[in-house]
N, C-alpha and C. Protein backbone atom coordinates (compact mmCIF):
# COMPACT_ATOMS: atom_id res chain seq x y z
N MET A 1 0.85 -1.18 0.00
CA MET A 1 0.00 0.00 0.00
C MET A 1 0.89 1.23 0.00
N ALA A 2 0.62 2.16 -0.85
CA ALA A 2 1.43 3.38 -0.94
C ALA A 2 1.16 4.27 0.27
N ALA A 3 2.20 4.97 0.68
CA ALA A 3 2.06 5.87 1.83
C ALA A 3 1.15 7.03 1.45
N LYS A 4 0.24 7.33 2.34
CA LYS A 4 -0.69 8.43 2.11
C LYS A 4 -0.15 9.69 2.77
N ASN A 5 -0.62 10.80 2.32
CA ASN A 5 -0.28 12.07 2.95
C ASN A 5 -0.93 12.09 4.32
N PRO A 6 -0.14 12.25 5.43
CA PRO A 6 -0.74 12.22 6.75
C PRO A 6 -1.76 13.32 6.97
N LEU A 7 -1.63 14.43 6.28
CA LEU A 7 -2.59 15.51 6.46
C LEU A 7 -3.97 15.15 5.92
N SER A 8 -4.01 14.29 4.89
CA SER A 8 -5.31 13.87 4.37
C SER A 8 -6.06 13.04 5.41
N LEU A 9 -5.32 12.27 6.20
CA LEU A 9 -5.96 11.50 7.26
C LEU A 9 -6.49 12.43 8.34
N PHE A 10 -5.72 13.48 8.69
CA PHE A 10 -6.19 14.46 9.66
C PHE A 10 -7.48 15.11 9.17
N LYS A 11 -7.55 15.42 7.89
CA LYS A 11 -8.75 16.05 7.34
C LYS A 11 -9.95 15.12 7.44
N ARG A 12 -9.69 13.81 7.27
CA ARG A 12 -10.79 12.85 7.39
C ARG A 12 -11.21 12.68 8.84
N VAL A 13 -10.23 12.66 9.75
CA VAL A 13 -10.52 12.43 11.15
C VAL A 13 -11.08 13.68 11.81
N LEU A 14 -10.55 14.84 11.44
CA LEU A 14 -10.96 16.09 12.04
C LEU A 14 -11.60 17.01 11.00
N PRO A 15 -12.78 16.65 10.49
CA PRO A 15 -13.42 17.52 9.51
C PRO A 15 -13.85 18.83 10.15
N SER A 16 -14.27 19.76 9.34
CA SER A 16 -14.69 21.05 9.88
C SER A 16 -15.86 20.86 10.84
N THR A 17 -16.00 21.76 11.79
CA THR A 17 -17.02 21.61 12.83
C THR A 17 -18.44 21.64 12.25
N LYS A 18 -18.64 22.30 11.13
CA LYS A 18 -19.97 22.34 10.54
C LYS A 18 -20.41 20.97 10.04
N SER A 19 -19.48 20.17 9.50
CA SER A 19 -19.86 18.89 8.93
C SER A 19 -19.80 17.75 9.93
N VAL A 20 -19.28 18.00 11.13
CA VAL A 20 -19.17 16.93 12.11
C VAL A 20 -20.54 16.55 12.67
N ALA A 21 -21.33 17.56 12.98
CA ALA A 21 -22.56 17.31 13.70
C ALA A 21 -23.65 16.67 12.84
N LEU A 22 -23.80 17.11 11.60
CA LEU A 22 -24.93 16.66 10.81
C LEU A 22 -24.48 16.19 9.43
N ASP A 23 -25.31 15.35 8.84
CA ASP A 23 -25.07 14.90 7.47
C ASP A 23 -25.29 16.06 6.51
N ALA A 24 -25.11 15.77 5.21
CA ALA A 24 -25.25 16.80 4.19
C ALA A 24 -26.64 17.42 4.18
N ASP A 25 -27.65 16.61 4.46
CA ASP A 25 -29.02 17.17 4.47
C ASP A 25 -29.37 17.80 5.82
N ASN A 26 -28.42 17.86 6.74
CA ASN A 26 -28.58 18.49 8.06
C ASN A 26 -29.72 17.91 8.88
N SER A 27 -30.04 16.62 8.68
CA SER A 27 -31.13 16.04 9.44
C SER A 27 -30.67 14.97 10.43
N GLU A 28 -29.60 14.24 10.11
CA GLU A 28 -29.18 13.16 10.99
C GLU A 28 -27.72 13.33 11.38
N PRO A 29 -27.38 12.98 12.61
CA PRO A 29 -25.97 13.03 13.01
C PRO A 29 -25.16 11.97 12.26
N ARG A 30 -23.90 12.28 12.02
CA ARG A 30 -23.01 11.33 11.35
C ARG A 30 -22.49 10.30 12.34
N GLU A 31 -22.06 9.16 11.79
CA GLU A 31 -21.39 8.17 12.62
C GLU A 31 -19.97 8.67 12.92
N PRO A 32 -19.42 8.29 14.06
CA PRO A 32 -18.04 8.70 14.35
C PRO A 32 -17.07 8.10 13.34
N MET A 33 -15.99 8.82 13.09
CA MET A 33 -14.97 8.38 12.14
C MET A 33 -14.22 7.19 12.71
N LYS A 34 -14.03 6.17 11.92
CA LYS A 34 -13.28 4.99 12.35
C LYS A 34 -11.96 4.96 11.59
N ILE A 35 -10.87 4.84 12.35
CA ILE A 35 -9.54 4.79 11.76
C ILE A 35 -9.00 3.38 11.94
N THR A 36 -8.50 2.80 10.88
CA THR A 36 -7.91 1.47 10.98
C THR A 36 -6.51 1.59 11.58
N SER A 37 -6.03 0.50 12.12
CA SER A 37 -4.68 0.50 12.69
C SER A 37 -3.64 0.76 11.60
N GLN A 38 -3.92 0.31 10.38
CA GLN A 38 -3.02 0.56 9.26
C GLN A 38 -2.90 2.06 8.99
N GLU A 39 -4.04 2.77 8.98
CA GLU A 39 -4.03 4.21 8.75
C GLU A 39 -3.33 4.95 9.89
N LEU A 40 -3.58 4.52 11.11
CA LEU A 40 -2.96 5.16 12.26
C LEU A 40 -1.46 4.97 12.26
N SER A 41 -1.00 3.76 12.00
CA SER A 41 0.45 3.52 11.97
C SER A 41 1.09 4.24 10.80
N SER A 42 0.41 4.32 9.68
CA SER A 42 0.93 5.04 8.52
C SER A 42 1.08 6.52 8.85
N MET A 43 0.09 7.09 9.53
CA MET A 43 0.15 8.49 9.91
C MET A 43 1.32 8.72 10.87
N PHE A 44 1.48 7.82 11.84
CA PHE A 44 2.56 7.94 12.82
C PHE A 44 3.93 7.89 12.13
N VAL A 45 4.09 6.95 11.21
CA VAL A 45 5.36 6.79 10.50
C VAL A 45 5.64 7.98 9.59
N ASN A 46 4.63 8.46 8.89
CA ASN A 46 4.83 9.59 7.98
C ASN A 46 5.16 10.88 8.71
N LEU A 47 4.79 10.96 9.98
CA LEU A 47 5.09 12.14 10.77
C LEU A 47 6.41 12.00 11.54
N PHE A 48 7.23 11.00 11.21
CA PHE A 48 8.49 10.77 11.91
C PHE A 48 9.38 12.02 11.95
N PRO A 49 9.52 12.77 10.86
CA PRO A 49 10.33 13.99 10.95
C PRO A 49 9.79 14.99 11.97
N VAL A 50 8.48 15.03 12.13
CA VAL A 50 7.89 15.93 13.12
C VAL A 50 8.26 15.48 14.52
N TRP A 51 8.15 14.15 14.78
CA TRP A 51 8.52 13.63 16.11
C TRP A 51 9.99 13.92 16.39
N THR A 52 10.83 13.73 15.39
CA THR A 52 12.26 13.97 15.57
C THR A 52 12.52 15.43 15.93
N ALA A 53 11.90 16.34 15.21
CA ALA A 53 12.10 17.76 15.48
C ALA A 53 11.56 18.14 16.87
N LEU A 54 10.41 17.60 17.24
CA LEU A 54 9.84 17.90 18.55
C LEU A 54 10.73 17.42 19.69
N PHE A 55 11.19 16.17 19.59
CA PHE A 55 12.03 15.63 20.66
C PHE A 55 13.41 16.29 20.68
N ALA A 56 13.95 16.63 19.52
CA ALA A 56 15.23 17.36 19.49
C ALA A 56 15.07 18.74 20.11
N GLY A 57 13.99 19.41 19.81
CA GLY A 57 13.74 20.72 20.41
C GLY A 57 13.56 20.62 21.91
N ALA A 58 12.83 19.59 22.36
CA ALA A 58 12.65 19.39 23.80
C ALA A 58 13.97 19.11 24.49
N ALA A 59 14.84 18.32 23.84
CA ALA A 59 16.15 18.01 24.42
C ALA A 59 17.04 19.24 24.47
N LEU A 60 16.95 20.09 23.47
CA LEU A 60 17.75 21.32 23.49
C LEU A 60 17.23 22.30 24.53
N TYR A 61 15.93 22.36 24.68
CA TYR A 61 15.32 23.30 25.62
C TYR A 61 15.53 22.85 27.07
N ASN A 62 15.33 21.55 27.32
CA ASN A 62 15.46 21.02 28.68
C ASN A 62 16.15 19.65 28.63
N PRO A 63 17.48 19.61 28.64
CA PRO A 63 18.21 18.33 28.55
C PRO A 63 17.90 17.36 29.69
N ASN A 64 17.45 17.88 30.83
CA ASN A 64 17.14 17.01 31.97
C ASN A 64 16.03 16.02 31.67
N LEU A 65 15.20 16.32 30.70
CA LEU A 65 14.12 15.40 30.33
C LEU A 65 14.66 14.07 29.82
N PHE A 66 15.89 14.07 29.32
CA PHE A 66 16.43 12.88 28.68
C PHE A 66 17.60 12.27 29.45
N LEU A 67 17.76 12.62 30.71
CA LEU A 67 18.83 12.03 31.51
C LEU A 67 18.64 10.54 31.74
N TRP A 68 17.41 10.07 31.71
CA TRP A 68 17.12 8.65 31.88
C TRP A 68 17.62 7.81 30.71
N LEU A 69 17.90 8.45 29.58
CA LEU A 69 18.29 7.75 28.36
C LEU A 69 19.78 7.41 28.41
N THR A 70 20.12 6.41 29.22
CA THR A 70 21.51 5.99 29.36
C THR A 70 21.92 5.16 28.14
N THR A 71 23.16 4.73 28.11
CA THR A 71 23.69 3.97 26.98
C THR A 71 22.89 2.70 26.72
N GLU A 72 22.48 2.02 27.78
CA GLU A 72 21.70 0.78 27.61
C GLU A 72 20.38 1.06 26.89
N TYR A 73 19.67 2.08 27.33
CA TYR A 73 18.40 2.42 26.70
C TYR A 73 18.60 2.97 25.29
N PHE A 74 19.67 3.74 25.12
CA PHE A 74 19.94 4.30 23.80
C PHE A 74 20.21 3.19 22.79
N THR A 75 21.00 2.21 23.19
CA THR A 75 21.31 1.08 22.31
C THR A 75 20.05 0.31 21.95
N ALA A 76 19.21 0.05 22.95
CA ALA A 76 17.95 -0.67 22.70
C ALA A 76 17.03 0.15 21.79
N GLY A 77 16.96 1.46 22.03
CA GLY A 77 16.12 2.32 21.19
C GLY A 77 16.61 2.38 19.76
N LEU A 78 17.94 2.45 19.60
CA LEU A 78 18.51 2.46 18.25
C LEU A 78 18.24 1.15 17.54
N ALA A 79 18.36 0.04 18.27
CA ALA A 79 18.06 -1.27 17.68
C ALA A 79 16.61 -1.36 17.24
N LEU A 80 15.71 -0.85 18.08
CA LEU A 80 14.29 -0.84 17.73
C LEU A 80 14.02 0.02 16.50
N LEU A 81 14.67 1.17 16.45
CA LEU A 81 14.51 2.05 15.30
C LEU A 81 15.01 1.38 14.02
N MET A 82 16.17 0.76 14.10
CA MET A 82 16.75 0.12 12.91
C MET A 82 15.89 -1.06 12.43
N ILE A 83 15.38 -1.88 13.36
CA ILE A 83 14.55 -3.00 12.94
C ILE A 83 13.22 -2.51 12.38
N SER A 84 12.68 -1.43 12.95
CA SER A 84 11.42 -0.91 12.42
C SER A 84 11.59 -0.33 11.02
N MET A 85 12.77 0.23 10.74
CA MET A 85 13.03 0.72 9.39
C MET A 85 13.30 -0.45 8.44
N GLY A 86 14.01 -1.45 8.93
CA GLY A 86 14.39 -2.58 8.09
C GLY A 86 13.22 -3.44 7.66
N ILE A 87 12.22 -3.59 8.50
CA ILE A 87 11.11 -4.48 8.14
C ILE A 87 10.21 -3.86 7.08
N THR A 88 10.40 -2.59 6.79
CA THR A 88 9.59 -1.97 5.75
C THR A 88 10.25 -2.08 4.37
N LEU A 89 11.48 -2.58 4.31
CA LEU A 89 12.17 -2.69 3.02
C LEU A 89 11.61 -3.85 2.21
N THR A 90 11.62 -3.69 0.90
CA THR A 90 11.17 -4.73 -0.01
C THR A 90 12.34 -5.12 -0.91
N PRO A 91 12.26 -6.26 -1.56
CA PRO A 91 13.33 -6.63 -2.50
C PRO A 91 13.54 -5.57 -3.59
N LYS A 92 12.48 -4.87 -3.97
CA LYS A 92 12.62 -3.81 -4.98
C LYS A 92 13.54 -2.70 -4.47
N ASP A 93 13.47 -2.39 -3.17
CA ASP A 93 14.35 -1.37 -2.61
C ASP A 93 15.82 -1.74 -2.79
N PHE A 94 16.15 -3.02 -2.55
CA PHE A 94 17.53 -3.47 -2.74
C PHE A 94 17.91 -3.44 -4.21
N ALA A 95 16.98 -3.83 -5.06
CA ALA A 95 17.26 -3.80 -6.50
C ALA A 95 17.51 -2.37 -6.96
N ASP A 96 16.77 -1.42 -6.43
CA ASP A 96 16.98 -0.01 -6.78
C ASP A 96 18.36 0.46 -6.37
N VAL A 97 18.82 0.02 -5.21
CA VAL A 97 20.16 0.42 -4.74
C VAL A 97 21.23 -0.14 -5.66
N PHE A 98 21.11 -1.42 -6.00
CA PHE A 98 22.15 -2.04 -6.82
C PHE A 98 22.02 -1.71 -8.30
N SER A 99 20.93 -1.06 -8.69
CA SER A 99 20.83 -0.62 -10.08
C SER A 99 21.63 0.66 -10.30
N GLU A 100 22.04 1.29 -9.20
CA GLU A 100 22.90 2.47 -9.28
C GLU A 100 24.31 2.04 -9.66
N ASP A 101 25.19 2.99 -9.71
CA ASP A 101 26.59 2.74 -10.01
C ASP A 101 27.18 1.84 -8.92
N LEU A 102 27.54 0.60 -9.25
CA LEU A 102 27.99 -0.37 -8.26
C LEU A 102 29.24 0.07 -7.49
N PRO A 103 30.27 0.67 -8.13
CA PRO A 103 31.41 1.13 -7.33
C PRO A 103 31.03 2.18 -6.28
N SER A 104 30.09 3.03 -6.60
CA SER A 104 29.64 4.03 -5.64
C SER A 104 28.95 3.37 -4.45
N VAL A 105 28.10 2.39 -4.73
CA VAL A 105 27.41 1.69 -3.65
C VAL A 105 28.41 0.93 -2.80
N ALA A 106 29.39 0.28 -3.42
CA ALA A 106 30.41 -0.48 -2.68
C ALA A 106 31.24 0.44 -1.82
N THR A 107 31.59 1.60 -2.33
CA THR A 107 32.38 2.55 -1.56
C THR A 107 31.61 3.02 -0.33
N GLN A 108 30.34 3.30 -0.49
CA GLN A 108 29.52 3.73 0.65
C GLN A 108 29.39 2.61 1.67
N TRP A 109 29.22 1.39 1.21
CA TRP A 109 29.06 0.26 2.11
C TRP A 109 30.35 -0.01 2.88
N LEU A 110 31.48 0.04 2.20
CA LEU A 110 32.76 -0.19 2.86
C LEU A 110 33.14 0.96 3.78
N GLY A 111 32.66 2.14 3.49
CA GLY A 111 32.98 3.30 4.31
C GLY A 111 32.27 3.31 5.65
N CYS A 112 31.25 2.48 5.78
CA CYS A 112 30.53 2.43 7.07
C CYS A 112 31.35 1.72 8.04
């Protein structure tokens, strides 16, 4: 399934206040919006840059909030982040990488 624009989901979940209360004919209340777990997780993932900026800003503003994040927790968090990114890869993603200039890809891989 292709990633959707997270703002389109917000528009579906949080429609304007005029359309929330009544249907188009203004006679019956609408049913509450139902969000699938797929849509919710997609929205969460697509907003990852926002989460990163928010937490980075919070850490810069008040570093004491993150004193609990010792090396053990940081390593576990990084492992969780890497596995969550890795499980979204498809064989096509790898094919796209190797369809590039192979010496360039090899140099980047060896440089890590």
